[in-house]
């Protein structure tokens, strides 16, 4: 898989066509634009605009990918690949949908393909009892900031149960929950990413949350 320095400037001059590039050196000039307008500048060869979008969505993409693959190194690699695909696709970009919809469609397709190609591999186990669970965004609400051993064990058990049940959801339901609950995409955006109607998306999420409520009733 190709990679790039996700936290810095995009080193992709070999990816650029032979047409002259327009480079805007003032990132502050982009702050007043919406994401689609910034992406249109990327389409026109504005490297600063691309770096602006990378910085804006880098953490969200890594977080989304980590929840999909449960491996920090692979999540960062997949996030890099998302932005590489955004850059490669810049010439064909049309602002007929929100930029985030287009971005998450690329990310979802990449994550699903990776999961299908590596479905028999054991994911890296990364858990900290002192932090909110990266997979679920859930934490155990306790009054004491320093839980005792019993509280830690209960919290750990609860997080494992949530992770297991979210992972057990049908693929499309699981992806919809990730985008709705943790990435805070609205129904319309999720519908566009998954190529569903808005009503079908609401129904999909209702079924997913109902399944989770039933399977986790002893934990939440």
N, C-alpha and C. Protein backbone atom coordinates (compact mmCIF):
# COMPACT_ATOMS: atom_id res chain seq x y z
N UNK A 1 0.84 -1.20 0.00
CA UNK A 1 0.00 0.00 0.00
C UNK A 1 0.87 1.24 0.00
N UNK A 2 0.58 2.21 -0.82
CA UNK A 2 1.32 3.44 -0.83
C UNK A 2 1.11 4.19 0.45
N UNK A 3 2.10 4.97 0.84
CA UNK A 3 1.97 5.72 2.07
C UNK A 3 2.49 7.12 1.88
N UNK A 4 2.15 8.00 2.84
CA UNK A 4 2.64 9.36 2.82
C UNK A 4 2.72 9.84 4.25
N UNK A 5 3.36 10.98 4.43
CA UNK A 5 3.45 11.57 5.76
C UNK A 5 2.15 12.27 6.07
N UNK A 6 1.29 11.59 6.81
CA UNK A 6 -0.07 12.07 6.97
C UNK A 6 -0.14 13.35 7.78
N UNK A 7 0.83 13.59 8.62
CA UNK A 7 0.79 14.79 9.44
C UNK A 7 1.43 15.99 8.80
N UNK A 8 1.98 15.86 7.60
CA UNK A 8 2.69 16.98 6.99
C UNK A 8 2.28 17.20 5.57
N UNK A 9 3.15 17.90 4.84
CA UNK A 9 2.83 18.23 3.45
C UNK A 9 2.81 16.97 2.61
N UNK A 10 2.00 16.96 1.61
CA UNK A 10 1.86 15.81 0.72
C UNK A 10 3.02 15.79 -0.26
N UNK A 11 3.81 14.72 -0.25
CA UNK A 11 5.00 14.68 -1.09
C UNK A 11 4.72 14.08 -2.44
N UNK A 12 3.59 14.39 -3.05
CA UNK A 12 3.13 13.63 -4.19
C UNK A 12 3.30 14.30 -5.53
N UNK A 13 4.43 14.95 -5.77
CA UNK A 13 4.59 15.61 -7.05
C UNK A 13 4.55 14.62 -8.21
N UNK A 14 4.92 13.37 -7.94
CA UNK A 14 4.85 12.36 -9.00
C UNK A 14 3.42 12.02 -9.34
N UNK A 15 2.47 12.35 -8.43
CA UNK A 15 1.07 12.07 -8.68
C UNK A 15 0.42 13.17 -9.50
N UNK A 16 1.10 14.31 -9.66
CA UNK A 16 0.50 15.47 -10.28
C UNK A 16 0.67 15.40 -11.77
N UNK A 17 -0.34 15.84 -12.47
CA UNK A 17 -0.30 15.83 -13.92
C UNK A 17 0.71 16.85 -14.42
N UNK A 18 0.94 16.90 -15.72
CA UNK A 18 1.93 17.78 -16.31
C UNK A 18 1.47 19.22 -16.38
N UNK A 19 0.18 19.50 -16.08
CA UNK A 19 -0.30 20.87 -16.12
C UNK A 19 0.29 21.65 -14.96
N UNK A 20 0.51 22.98 -15.14
CA UNK A 20 1.13 23.77 -14.07
C UNK A 20 0.28 23.77 -12.82
N UNK A 21 0.95 23.77 -11.66
CA UNK A 21 0.27 23.79 -10.39
C UNK A 21 0.09 25.23 -9.91
N UNK A 22 -1.03 25.48 -9.26
CA UNK A 22 -1.24 26.74 -8.57
C UNK A 22 -1.08 26.46 -7.10
N UNK A 23 -0.14 27.10 -6.44
CA UNK A 23 0.10 26.85 -5.02
C UNK A 23 -0.23 28.10 -4.22
N UNK A 24 -1.10 27.97 -3.25
CA UNK A 24 -1.47 29.06 -2.38
C UNK A 24 -0.71 28.88 -1.07
N UNK A 25 0.09 29.86 -0.71
CA UNK A 25 0.97 29.70 0.45
C UNK A 25 0.34 30.14 1.76
N UNK A 26 -0.88 30.67 1.73
CA UNK A 26 -1.51 31.20 2.93
C UNK A 26 -2.69 30.33 3.34
N UNK A 27 -2.50 29.38 4.26
CA UNK A 27 -3.61 28.52 4.68
C UNK A 27 -4.76 29.29 5.31
N UNK A 28 -4.47 30.47 5.87
CA UNK A 28 -5.53 31.25 6.50
C UNK A 28 -6.59 31.69 5.49
N UNK A 29 -6.19 31.79 4.23
CA UNK A 29 -7.15 32.18 3.20
C UNK A 29 -8.21 31.12 2.96
N UNK A 30 -7.95 29.89 3.46
CA UNK A 30 -8.89 28.79 3.26
C UNK A 30 -9.92 28.70 4.38
N UNK A 31 -9.66 29.37 5.49
CA UNK A 31 -10.50 29.21 6.68
C UNK A 31 -11.93 29.65 6.45
N UNK A 32 -12.15 30.59 5.55
CA UNK A 32 -13.50 31.08 5.30
C UNK A 32 -14.27 30.29 4.27
N UNK A 33 -13.65 29.24 3.73
CA UNK A 33 -14.29 28.43 2.71
C UNK A 33 -14.87 27.16 3.31
N UNK A 34 -15.95 26.62 2.70
CA UNK A 34 -16.41 25.31 3.14
C UNK A 34 -15.53 24.24 2.49
N UNK A 35 -15.68 23.01 2.98
CA UNK A 35 -14.78 21.94 2.52
C UNK A 35 -14.86 21.69 1.03
N UNK A 36 -16.07 21.79 0.47
CA UNK A 36 -16.21 21.56 -0.97
C UNK A 36 -15.44 22.61 -1.76
N UNK A 37 -15.49 23.85 -1.31
CA UNK A 37 -14.75 24.90 -1.99
C UNK A 37 -13.24 24.68 -1.88
N UNK A 38 -12.81 24.21 -0.71
CA UNK A 38 -11.39 23.91 -0.55
C UNK A 38 -10.98 22.78 -1.48
N UNK A 39 -11.83 21.74 -1.59
CA UNK A 39 -11.51 20.62 -2.46
C UNK A 39 -11.48 21.05 -3.92
N UNK A 40 -12.30 22.01 -4.28
CA UNK A 40 -12.25 22.54 -5.66
C UNK A 40 -10.91 23.21 -5.92
N UNK A 41 -10.34 23.82 -4.90
CA UNK A 41 -9.01 24.39 -5.05
C UNK A 41 -7.96 23.30 -5.20
N UNK A 42 -8.16 22.20 -4.45
CA UNK A 42 -7.27 21.05 -4.62
C UNK A 42 -7.33 20.56 -6.07
N UNK A 43 -8.54 20.48 -6.60
CA UNK A 43 -8.73 20.05 -7.98
C UNK A 43 -7.95 20.93 -8.95
N UNK A 44 -7.86 22.23 -8.60
CA UNK A 44 -7.17 23.18 -9.47
C UNK A 44 -5.67 23.25 -9.22
N UNK A 45 -5.17 22.39 -8.32
CA UNK A 45 -3.74 22.31 -8.12
C UNK A 45 -3.21 23.04 -6.91
N UNK A 46 -4.05 23.33 -5.96
CA UNK A 46 -3.64 24.07 -4.76
C UNK A 46 -3.16 23.09 -3.70
N UNK A 47 -1.84 22.97 -3.53
CA UNK A 47 -1.28 22.03 -2.56
C UNK A 47 -1.62 22.42 -1.13
N UNK A 48 -1.63 23.72 -0.84
CA UNK A 48 -1.95 24.17 0.51
C UNK A 48 -3.37 23.77 0.89
N UNK A 49 -4.28 23.79 -0.07
CA UNK A 49 -5.67 23.39 0.19
C UNK A 49 -5.74 21.92 0.54
N UNK A 50 -4.97 21.10 -0.14
CA UNK A 50 -4.96 19.67 0.18
C UNK A 50 -4.42 19.43 1.58
N UNK A 51 -3.31 20.08 1.91
CA UNK A 51 -2.74 19.92 3.25
C UNK A 51 -3.71 20.39 4.33
N UNK A 52 -4.47 21.41 4.02
CA UNK A 52 -5.48 21.92 4.95
C UNK A 52 -6.53 20.84 5.24
N UNK A 53 -7.00 20.16 4.21
CA UNK A 53 -7.99 19.10 4.39
C UNK A 53 -7.41 17.90 5.13
N UNK A 54 -6.16 17.58 4.84
CA UNK A 54 -5.51 16.48 5.56
C UNK A 54 -5.47 16.78 7.06
N UNK A 55 -5.04 17.98 7.39
CA UNK A 55 -4.96 18.36 8.81
C UNK A 55 -6.34 18.39 9.46
N UNK A 56 -7.32 18.81 8.71
CA UNK A 56 -8.67 18.94 9.26
C UNK A 56 -9.30 17.59 9.55
N UNK A 57 -9.04 16.59 8.71
CA UNK A 57 -9.74 15.30 8.83
C UNK A 57 -8.82 14.14 9.19
N UNK A 58 -7.55 14.41 9.43
CA UNK A 58 -6.60 13.33 9.72
C UNK A 58 -7.03 12.51 10.93
N UNK A 59 -7.31 13.16 12.05
CA UNK A 59 -7.67 12.43 13.28
C UNK A 59 -8.98 11.66 13.11
N UNK A 60 -9.95 12.27 12.43
CA UNK A 60 -11.23 11.60 12.21
C UNK A 60 -11.05 10.34 11.38
N UNK A 61 -10.19 10.40 10.35
CA UNK A 61 -9.98 9.24 9.50
C UNK A 61 -9.25 8.13 10.26
N UNK A 62 -8.24 8.49 11.05
CA UNK A 62 -7.54 7.47 11.82
C UNK A 62 -8.49 6.82 12.83
N UNK A 63 -9.31 7.65 13.48
CA UNK A 63 -10.27 7.12 14.45
C UNK A 63 -11.27 6.18 13.78
N UNK A 64 -11.80 6.58 12.65
CA UNK A 64 -12.77 5.75 11.92
C UNK A 64 -12.13 4.42 11.52
N UNK A 65 -10.92 4.48 10.99
CA UNK A 65 -10.24 3.27 10.55
C UNK A 65 -9.88 2.37 11.73
N UNK A 66 -9.50 2.97 12.87
CA UNK A 66 -9.18 2.15 14.03
C UNK A 66 -10.40 1.38 14.51
N UNK A 67 -11.55 2.02 14.48
CA UNK A 67 -12.77 1.32 14.90
C UNK A 67 -13.14 0.20 13.92
N UNK A 68 -12.68 0.32 12.69
CA UNK A 68 -12.98 -0.71 11.70
C UNK A 68 -11.99 -1.88 11.77
N UNK A 69 -10.69 -1.58 12.03
CA UNK A 69 -9.67 -2.63 11.93
C UNK A 69 -9.04 -2.99 13.27
N UNK A 70 -9.22 -2.17 14.32
CA UNK A 70 -8.72 -2.45 15.66
C UNK A 70 -7.21 -2.66 15.70
N UNK A 71 -6.51 -1.89 14.89
CA UNK A 71 -5.05 -1.96 14.86
C UNK A 71 -4.55 -0.56 14.52
N UNK A 72 -3.78 0.02 15.46
CA UNK A 72 -3.39 1.43 15.31
C UNK A 72 -2.52 1.66 14.08
N UNK A 73 -1.55 0.78 13.85
CA UNK A 73 -0.65 0.97 12.71
C UNK A 73 -1.40 0.85 11.39
N UNK A 74 -2.26 -0.16 11.29
CA UNK A 74 -3.03 -0.34 10.06
C UNK A 74 -4.02 0.80 9.87
N UNK A 75 -4.61 1.28 10.97
CA UNK A 75 -5.56 2.39 10.87
C UNK A 75 -4.88 3.62 10.29
N UNK A 76 -3.67 3.92 10.74
CA UNK A 76 -2.97 5.09 10.21
C UNK A 76 -2.59 4.88 8.74
N UNK A 77 -2.20 3.67 8.42
CA UNK A 77 -1.85 3.37 7.03
C UNK A 77 -3.07 3.51 6.12
N UNK A 78 -4.21 3.01 6.57
CA UNK A 78 -5.43 3.13 5.76
C UNK A 78 -5.88 4.59 5.65
N UNK A 79 -5.72 5.36 6.72
CA UNK A 79 -6.05 6.78 6.65
C UNK A 79 -5.18 7.49 5.64
N UNK A 80 -3.91 7.16 5.60
CA UNK A 80 -3.01 7.72 4.60
C UNK A 80 -3.48 7.38 3.19
N UNK A 81 -3.91 6.13 3.04
CA UNK A 81 -4.39 5.69 1.73
C UNK A 81 -5.64 6.44 1.31
N UNK A 82 -6.52 6.75 2.28
CA UNK A 82 -7.72 7.54 1.97
C UNK A 82 -7.32 8.88 1.36
N UNK A 83 -6.39 9.58 2.00
CA UNK A 83 -5.99 10.89 1.49
C UNK A 83 -5.24 10.79 0.18
N UNK A 84 -4.50 9.71 0.01
CA UNK A 84 -3.84 9.50 -1.27
C UNK A 84 -4.87 9.33 -2.38
N UNK A 85 -5.95 8.60 -2.09
CA UNK A 85 -7.01 8.42 -3.08
C UNK A 85 -7.77 9.71 -3.34
N UNK A 86 -7.95 10.51 -2.29
CA UNK A 86 -8.55 11.83 -2.48
C UNK A 86 -7.70 12.64 -3.46
N UNK A 87 -6.40 12.62 -3.25
CA UNK A 87 -5.50 13.40 -4.10
C UNK A 87 -5.51 12.88 -5.54
N UNK A 88 -5.47 11.57 -5.68
CA UNK A 88 -5.48 10.99 -7.03
C UNK A 88 -6.79 11.27 -7.76
N UNK A 89 -7.87 11.42 -6.99
CA UNK A 89 -9.20 11.62 -7.59
C UNK A 89 -9.56 13.09 -7.74
N UNK A 90 -8.65 13.98 -7.42
CA UNK A 90 -8.98 15.41 -7.36
C UNK A 90 -9.50 15.96 -8.68
N UNK A 91 -8.97 15.47 -9.80
CA UNK A 91 -9.36 16.04 -11.09
C UNK A 91 -10.82 15.78 -11.41
N UNK A 92 -11.38 14.70 -10.87
CA UNK A 92 -12.77 14.36 -11.15
C UNK A 92 -13.74 14.81 -10.09
N UNK A 93 -13.26 15.58 -9.11
CA UNK A 93 -14.14 16.00 -8.03
C UNK A 93 -15.16 17.02 -8.51
N UNK A 94 -16.42 16.79 -8.10
CA UNK A 94 -17.50 17.75 -8.37
C UNK A 94 -18.22 17.99 -7.06
N UNK A 95 -18.48 19.24 -6.75
CA UNK A 95 -19.06 19.60 -5.46
C UNK A 95 -20.58 19.42 -5.48
N UNK A 96 -21.04 18.21 -5.85
CA UNK A 96 -22.48 17.93 -5.89
C UNK A 96 -22.95 17.24 -4.62
N UNK A 97 -22.04 17.05 -3.65
CA UNK A 97 -22.38 16.49 -2.34
C UNK A 97 -21.39 17.08 -1.35
N UNK A 98 -21.68 16.94 -0.06
CA UNK A 98 -20.76 17.43 0.95
C UNK A 98 -19.42 16.71 0.82
N UNK A 99 -18.36 17.42 1.06
CA UNK A 99 -17.04 16.81 0.97
C UNK A 99 -16.92 15.62 1.90
N UNK A 100 -17.48 15.74 3.13
CA UNK A 100 -17.37 14.64 4.08
C UNK A 100 -18.07 13.38 3.58
N UNK A 101 -19.15 13.55 2.84
CA UNK A 101 -19.83 12.39 2.27
C UNK A 101 -18.92 11.65 1.31
N UNK A 102 -18.28 12.41 0.43
CA UNK A 102 -17.34 11.85 -0.55
C UNK A 102 -16.16 11.20 0.18
N UNK A 103 -15.63 11.88 1.20
CA UNK A 103 -14.49 11.37 1.94
C UNK A 103 -14.82 10.05 2.64
N UNK A 104 -15.97 9.99 3.31
CA UNK A 104 -16.33 8.77 4.04
C UNK A 104 -16.71 7.64 3.09
N UNK A 105 -17.17 7.97 1.91
CA UNK A 105 -17.42 6.91 0.93
C UNK A 105 -16.11 6.24 0.54
N UNK A 106 -15.09 7.04 0.30
CA UNK A 106 -13.77 6.49 -0.01
C UNK A 106 -13.26 5.66 1.17
N UNK A 107 -13.37 6.20 2.38
CA UNK A 107 -12.88 5.52 3.57
C UNK A 107 -13.63 4.22 3.83
N UNK A 108 -14.94 4.25 3.66
CA UNK A 108 -15.75 3.05 3.91
C UNK A 108 -15.41 1.95 2.93
N UNK A 109 -15.30 2.28 1.65
CA UNK A 109 -14.95 1.28 0.65
C UNK A 109 -13.58 0.67 0.95
N UNK A 110 -12.64 1.51 1.35
CA UNK A 110 -11.30 1.01 1.65
C UNK A 110 -11.32 0.11 2.88
N UNK A 111 -12.03 0.52 3.92
CA UNK A 111 -12.09 -0.27 5.15
C UNK A 111 -12.78 -1.60 4.93
N UNK A 112 -13.87 -1.60 4.18
CA UNK A 112 -14.59 -2.84 3.91
C UNK A 112 -13.73 -3.80 3.10
N UNK A 113 -13.06 -3.28 2.09
CA UNK A 113 -12.19 -4.15 1.28
C UNK A 113 -11.05 -4.72 2.11
N UNK A 114 -10.49 -3.90 2.98
CA UNK A 114 -9.41 -4.40 3.85
C UNK A 114 -9.93 -5.48 4.79
N UNK A 115 -11.10 -5.24 5.38
CA UNK A 115 -11.66 -6.22 6.31
C UNK A 115 -11.93 -7.55 5.61
N UNK A 116 -12.42 -7.50 4.39
CA UNK A 116 -12.71 -8.73 3.66
C UNK A 116 -11.44 -9.47 3.28
N UNK A 117 -10.37 -8.71 2.99
CA UNK A 117 -9.11 -9.32 2.61
C UNK A 117 -8.35 -9.90 3.80
N UNK A 118 -8.66 -9.41 5.02
CA UNK A 118 -7.90 -9.82 6.20
C UNK A 118 -8.82 -10.33 7.31
N UNK A 119 -9.93 -10.91 6.93
CA UNK A 119 -10.94 -11.28 7.91
C UNK A 119 -10.48 -12.39 8.85
N UNK A 120 -9.45 -13.14 8.50
CA UNK A 120 -9.00 -14.23 9.36
C UNK A 120 -7.82 -13.83 10.25
N UNK A 121 -7.37 -12.57 10.10
CA UNK A 121 -6.25 -12.13 10.92
C UNK A 121 -6.74 -11.64 12.27
N UNK A 122 -6.00 -11.88 13.30
CA UNK A 122 -6.35 -11.45 14.65
C UNK A 122 -5.96 -9.99 14.82
N UNK A 123 -6.88 -9.13 15.23
CA UNK A 123 -6.53 -7.73 15.40
C UNK A 123 -5.64 -7.49 16.61
N UNK A 124 -4.89 -6.39 16.52
CA UNK A 124 -4.05 -6.00 17.64
C UNK A 124 -4.94 -5.60 18.81
N UNK A 125 -4.59 -6.06 20.01
CA UNK A 125 -5.36 -5.70 21.19
C UNK A 125 -4.75 -4.45 21.81
N UNK A 126 -5.51 -3.38 21.87
CA UNK A 126 -5.04 -2.13 22.47
C UNK A 126 -6.14 -1.64 23.39
N UNK A 127 -5.89 -1.68 24.68
CA UNK A 127 -6.90 -1.22 25.63
C UNK A 127 -6.21 -0.57 26.80
N UNK A 128 -6.79 0.51 27.29
CA UNK A 128 -6.30 1.17 28.49
C UNK A 128 -7.47 1.38 29.42
N UNK A 129 -7.29 0.97 30.65
CA UNK A 129 -8.37 1.13 31.62
C UNK A 129 -8.52 2.57 32.07
N UNK A 130 -7.58 3.44 31.70
CA UNK A 130 -7.63 4.83 32.12
C UNK A 130 -8.19 5.75 31.06
N UNK A 131 -8.60 5.22 29.90
CA UNK A 131 -9.07 6.05 28.81
C UNK A 131 -10.40 5.52 28.28
N UNK A 132 -11.11 6.39 27.56
CA UNK A 132 -12.33 5.96 26.88
C UNK A 132 -11.95 4.97 25.81
N UNK A 133 -12.75 3.92 25.67
CA UNK A 133 -12.47 2.88 24.68
C UNK A 133 -12.47 3.46 23.28
N UNK A 134 -11.38 3.22 22.51
CA UNK A 134 -11.25 3.79 21.17
C UNK A 134 -12.25 3.19 20.19
N UNK A 135 -12.66 1.95 20.44
CA UNK A 135 -13.57 1.28 19.51
C UNK A 135 -15.00 1.75 19.65
N UNK A 136 -15.40 2.03 20.86
CA UNK A 136 -16.82 2.28 21.12
C UNK A 136 -17.13 3.67 21.59
N UNK A 137 -16.12 4.38 22.08
CA UNK A 137 -16.38 5.70 22.64
C UNK A 137 -17.08 5.63 23.98
N UNK A 138 -17.22 4.45 24.55
CA UNK A 138 -17.94 4.26 25.80
C UNK A 138 -16.98 4.21 26.96
N UNK A 139 -17.43 4.69 28.10
CA UNK A 139 -16.65 4.56 29.32
C UNK A 139 -17.59 4.34 30.48
N UNK A 140 -17.08 3.77 31.55
CA UNK A 140 -17.89 3.50 32.72
C UNK A 140 -17.95 4.74 33.59
N UNK A 141 -19.16 5.24 33.85
CA UNK A 141 -19.33 6.45 34.65
C UNK A 141 -19.23 6.11 36.12
N UNK A 142 -18.14 6.50 36.76
CA UNK A 142 -17.97 6.27 38.19
C UNK A 142 -17.55 7.58 38.84
N UNK A 143 -17.92 7.73 40.10
CA UNK A 143 -17.63 8.98 40.78
C UNK A 143 -16.15 9.15 41.05
N UNK A 144 -15.47 8.08 41.38
CA UNK A 144 -14.06 8.14 41.71
C UNK A 144 -13.23 8.17 40.44
N UNK A 145 -12.31 9.15 40.30
CA UNK A 145 -11.47 9.24 39.13
C UNK A 145 -10.45 8.11 39.07
N UNK A 146 -10.24 7.45 40.19
CA UNK A 146 -9.29 6.34 40.23
C UNK A 146 -10.04 5.10 40.69
N UNK A 147 -10.63 4.36 39.76
CA UNK A 147 -11.45 3.21 40.13
C UNK A 147 -10.62 2.13 40.80
N UNK A 148 -11.31 1.40 41.67
CA UNK A 148 -10.62 0.29 42.31
C UNK A 148 -10.54 -0.90 41.35
N UNK A 149 -9.92 -1.96 41.80
CA UNK A 149 -9.69 -3.12 40.93
C UNK A 149 -11.02 -3.69 40.43
N UNK A 150 -12.00 -3.80 41.30
CA UNK A 150 -13.30 -4.34 40.90
C UNK A 150 -13.95 -3.47 39.83
N UNK A 151 -13.88 -2.15 40.01
CA UNK A 151 -14.46 -1.25 39.02
C UNK A 151 -13.74 -1.35 37.69
N UNK A 152 -12.44 -1.49 37.75
CA UNK A 152 -11.66 -1.63 36.51
C UNK A 152 -12.04 -2.91 35.76
N UNK A 153 -12.22 -3.99 36.51
CA UNK A 153 -12.59 -5.26 35.89
C UNK A 153 -13.98 -5.17 35.27
N UNK A 154 -14.91 -4.52 35.98
CA UNK A 154 -16.26 -4.35 35.44
C UNK A 154 -16.25 -3.51 34.18
N UNK A 155 -15.49 -2.44 34.22
CA UNK A 155 -15.41 -1.56 33.04
C UNK A 155 -14.80 -2.30 31.85
N UNK A 156 -13.72 -3.03 32.12
CA UNK A 156 -13.07 -3.79 31.07
C UNK A 156 -14.02 -4.81 30.46
N UNK A 157 -14.78 -5.50 31.32
CA UNK A 157 -15.76 -6.49 30.84
C UNK A 157 -16.83 -5.82 29.99
N UNK A 158 -17.28 -4.66 30.44
CA UNK A 158 -18.31 -3.93 29.70
C UNK A 158 -17.82 -3.49 28.32
N UNK A 159 -16.60 -2.98 28.27
CA UNK A 159 -16.05 -2.53 26.99
C UNK A 159 -15.84 -3.69 26.03
N UNK A 160 -15.39 -4.82 26.55
CA UNK A 160 -15.24 -6.00 25.69
C UNK A 160 -16.58 -6.44 25.14
N UNK A 161 -17.62 -6.38 25.98
CA UNK A 161 -18.95 -6.78 25.53
C UNK A 161 -19.47 -5.85 24.44
N UNK A 162 -19.28 -4.55 24.63
CA UNK A 162 -19.73 -3.59 23.63
C UNK A 162 -18.99 -3.81 22.32
N UNK A 163 -17.68 -3.95 22.41
CA UNK A 163 -16.89 -4.17 21.19
C UNK A 163 -17.35 -5.42 20.46
N UNK A 164 -17.55 -6.49 21.22
CA UNK A 164 -17.95 -7.76 20.62
C UNK A 164 -19.29 -7.64 19.90
N UNK A 165 -20.24 -6.96 20.53
CA UNK A 165 -21.57 -6.85 19.94
C UNK A 165 -21.59 -5.90 18.74
N UNK A 166 -20.81 -4.83 18.80
CA UNK A 166 -20.73 -3.94 17.63
C UNK A 166 -20.10 -4.67 16.46
N UNK A 167 -19.04 -5.42 16.74
CA UNK A 167 -18.38 -6.18 15.67
C UNK A 167 -19.28 -7.27 15.10
N UNK A 168 -20.22 -7.76 15.91
CA UNK A 168 -21.10 -8.84 15.46
C UNK A 168 -22.25 -8.34 14.58
N UNK A 169 -22.45 -7.02 14.54
CA UNK A 169 -23.51 -6.49 13.68
C UNK A 169 -23.22 -6.82 12.22
N UNK A 170 -24.27 -6.95 11.39
CA UNK A 170 -24.03 -7.07 9.95
C UNK A 170 -23.20 -5.90 9.45
N UNK A 171 -22.42 -6.14 8.44
CA UNK A 171 -21.41 -5.16 7.99
C UNK A 171 -21.99 -3.76 7.78
N UNK A 172 -23.09 -3.67 7.06
CA UNK A 172 -23.65 -2.35 6.76
C UNK A 172 -24.17 -1.66 8.02
N UNK A 173 -24.77 -2.42 8.92
CA UNK A 173 -25.23 -1.84 10.18
C UNK A 173 -24.05 -1.34 11.00
N UNK A 174 -23.00 -2.12 11.05
CA UNK A 174 -21.82 -1.74 11.83
C UNK A 174 -21.21 -0.44 11.30
N UNK A 175 -21.09 -0.33 10.00
CA UNK A 175 -20.53 0.88 9.40
C UNK A 175 -21.42 2.08 9.67
N UNK A 176 -22.73 1.87 9.56
CA UNK A 176 -23.67 2.97 9.81
C UNK A 176 -23.57 3.45 11.26
N UNK A 177 -23.46 2.52 12.20
CA UNK A 177 -23.33 2.89 13.61
C UNK A 177 -22.04 3.67 13.83
N UNK A 178 -20.95 3.23 13.23
CA UNK A 178 -19.68 3.94 13.38
C UNK A 178 -19.79 5.38 12.89
N UNK A 179 -20.41 5.56 11.74
CA UNK A 179 -20.51 6.91 11.17
C UNK A 179 -21.48 7.78 11.96
N UNK A 180 -22.58 7.18 12.44
CA UNK A 180 -23.61 7.95 13.13
C UNK A 180 -23.21 8.26 14.58
N UNK A 181 -22.74 7.25 15.29
CA UNK A 181 -22.47 7.40 16.71
C UNK A 181 -21.15 8.09 16.99
N UNK A 182 -20.13 7.72 16.22
CA UNK A 182 -18.78 8.16 16.56
C UNK A 182 -18.24 9.24 15.65
N UNK A 183 -18.65 9.26 14.38
CA UNK A 183 -18.20 10.31 13.47
C UNK A 183 -19.23 11.44 13.34
N UNK A 184 -20.41 11.23 13.91
CA UNK A 184 -21.47 12.24 13.97
C UNK A 184 -21.94 12.69 12.59
N UNK A 185 -21.99 11.76 11.65
CA UNK A 185 -22.60 12.06 10.37
C UNK A 185 -24.11 11.97 10.50
N UNK A 186 -24.82 12.79 9.74
CA UNK A 186 -26.28 12.76 9.82
C UNK A 186 -26.83 11.68 8.89
N UNK A 187 -28.15 11.47 8.97
CA UNK A 187 -28.78 10.39 8.19
C UNK A 187 -28.54 10.56 6.69
N UNK A 188 -28.65 11.80 6.23
CA UNK A 188 -28.50 12.04 4.79
C UNK A 188 -27.09 11.69 4.32
N UNK A 189 -26.08 12.09 5.09
CA UNK A 189 -24.71 11.79 4.72
C UNK A 189 -24.45 10.29 4.72
N UNK A 190 -24.93 9.60 5.75
CA UNK A 190 -24.74 8.15 5.81
C UNK A 190 -25.45 7.48 4.65
N UNK A 191 -26.64 7.96 4.33
CA UNK A 191 -27.39 7.39 3.20
C UNK A 191 -26.61 7.53 1.90
N UNK A 192 -25.97 8.68 1.71
CA UNK A 192 -25.22 8.89 0.48
C UNK A 192 -23.97 8.03 0.44
N UNK A 193 -23.31 7.86 1.58
CA UNK A 193 -22.13 7.00 1.63
C UNK A 193 -22.49 5.56 1.31
N UNK A 194 -23.60 5.09 1.88
CA UNK A 194 -23.99 3.69 1.73
C UNK A 194 -24.91 3.44 0.53
N UNK A 195 -25.20 4.51 -0.21
CA UNK A 195 -26.08 4.40 -1.39
C UNK A 195 -27.45 3.86 -1.00
N UNK A 196 -28.02 4.45 0.06
CA UNK A 196 -29.36 4.09 0.53
C UNK A 196 -30.23 5.33 0.55
N UNK A 197 -31.54 5.13 0.64
CA UNK A 197 -32.43 6.26 0.88
C UNK A 197 -32.29 6.68 2.34
N UNK A 198 -32.72 7.89 2.66
CA UNK A 198 -32.63 8.35 4.04
C UNK A 198 -33.52 7.51 4.95
N UNK A 199 -34.69 7.14 4.48
CA UNK A 199 -35.58 6.32 5.30
C UNK A 199 -34.99 4.93 5.53
N UNK A 200 -34.35 4.37 4.52
CA UNK A 200 -33.71 3.06 4.68
C UNK A 200 -32.55 3.14 5.66
N UNK A 201 -31.84 4.27 5.66
CA UNK A 201 -30.75 4.46 6.60
C UNK A 201 -31.26 4.53 8.03
N UNK A 202 -32.35 5.25 8.24
CA UNK A 202 -32.95 5.33 9.58
C UNK A 202 -33.38 3.95 10.05
N UNK A 203 -33.97 3.18 9.15
CA UNK A 203 -34.40 1.83 9.50
C UNK A 203 -33.21 0.95 9.83
N UNK A 204 -32.14 1.09 9.05
CA UNK A 204 -30.91 0.32 9.28
C UNK A 204 -30.34 0.61 10.66
N UNK A 205 -30.27 1.88 11.01
CA UNK A 205 -29.73 2.27 12.31
C UNK A 205 -30.65 1.84 13.45
N UNK A 206 -31.96 1.94 13.23
CA UNK A 206 -32.90 1.49 14.26
C UNK A 206 -32.69 0.02 14.58
N UNK A 207 -32.55 -0.80 13.54
CA UNK A 207 -32.34 -2.23 13.75
C UNK A 207 -31.01 -2.49 14.47
N UNK A 208 -29.98 -1.73 14.08
CA UNK A 208 -28.67 -1.92 14.70
C UNK A 208 -28.71 -1.56 16.17
N UNK A 209 -29.29 -0.41 16.50
CA UNK A 209 -29.34 0.02 17.90
C UNK A 209 -30.24 -0.88 18.73
N UNK A 210 -31.30 -1.37 18.13
CA UNK A 210 -32.19 -2.29 18.85
C UNK A 210 -31.46 -3.59 19.16
N UNK A 211 -30.69 -4.08 18.20
CA UNK A 211 -29.89 -5.28 18.43
C UNK A 211 -28.90 -5.07 19.56
N UNK A 212 -28.23 -3.90 19.55
CA UNK A 212 -27.26 -3.60 20.59
C UNK A 212 -27.93 -3.46 21.95
N UNK A 213 -29.09 -2.83 21.99
CA UNK A 213 -29.80 -2.67 23.27
C UNK A 213 -30.15 -4.03 23.86
N UNK A 214 -30.61 -4.93 23.02
CA UNK A 214 -31.00 -6.25 23.51
C UNK A 214 -29.79 -7.06 23.95
N UNK A 215 -28.73 -7.00 23.19
CA UNK A 215 -27.56 -7.83 23.49
C UNK A 215 -26.73 -7.27 24.65
N UNK A 216 -26.88 -5.97 24.92
CA UNK A 216 -26.08 -5.33 25.97
C UNK A 216 -26.92 -4.90 27.17
N UNK A 217 -28.12 -5.40 27.29
CA UNK A 217 -29.01 -4.94 28.36
C UNK A 217 -28.46 -5.24 29.75
N UNK A 218 -27.55 -6.20 29.85
CA UNK A 218 -26.98 -6.51 31.15
C UNK A 218 -25.74 -5.65 31.47
N UNK A 219 -25.33 -4.84 30.46
CA UNK A 219 -24.10 -4.07 30.64
C UNK A 219 -24.32 -2.56 30.61
N UNK A 220 -25.36 -2.11 29.91
CA UNK A 220 -25.57 -0.66 29.75
C UNK A 220 -26.96 -0.30 30.22
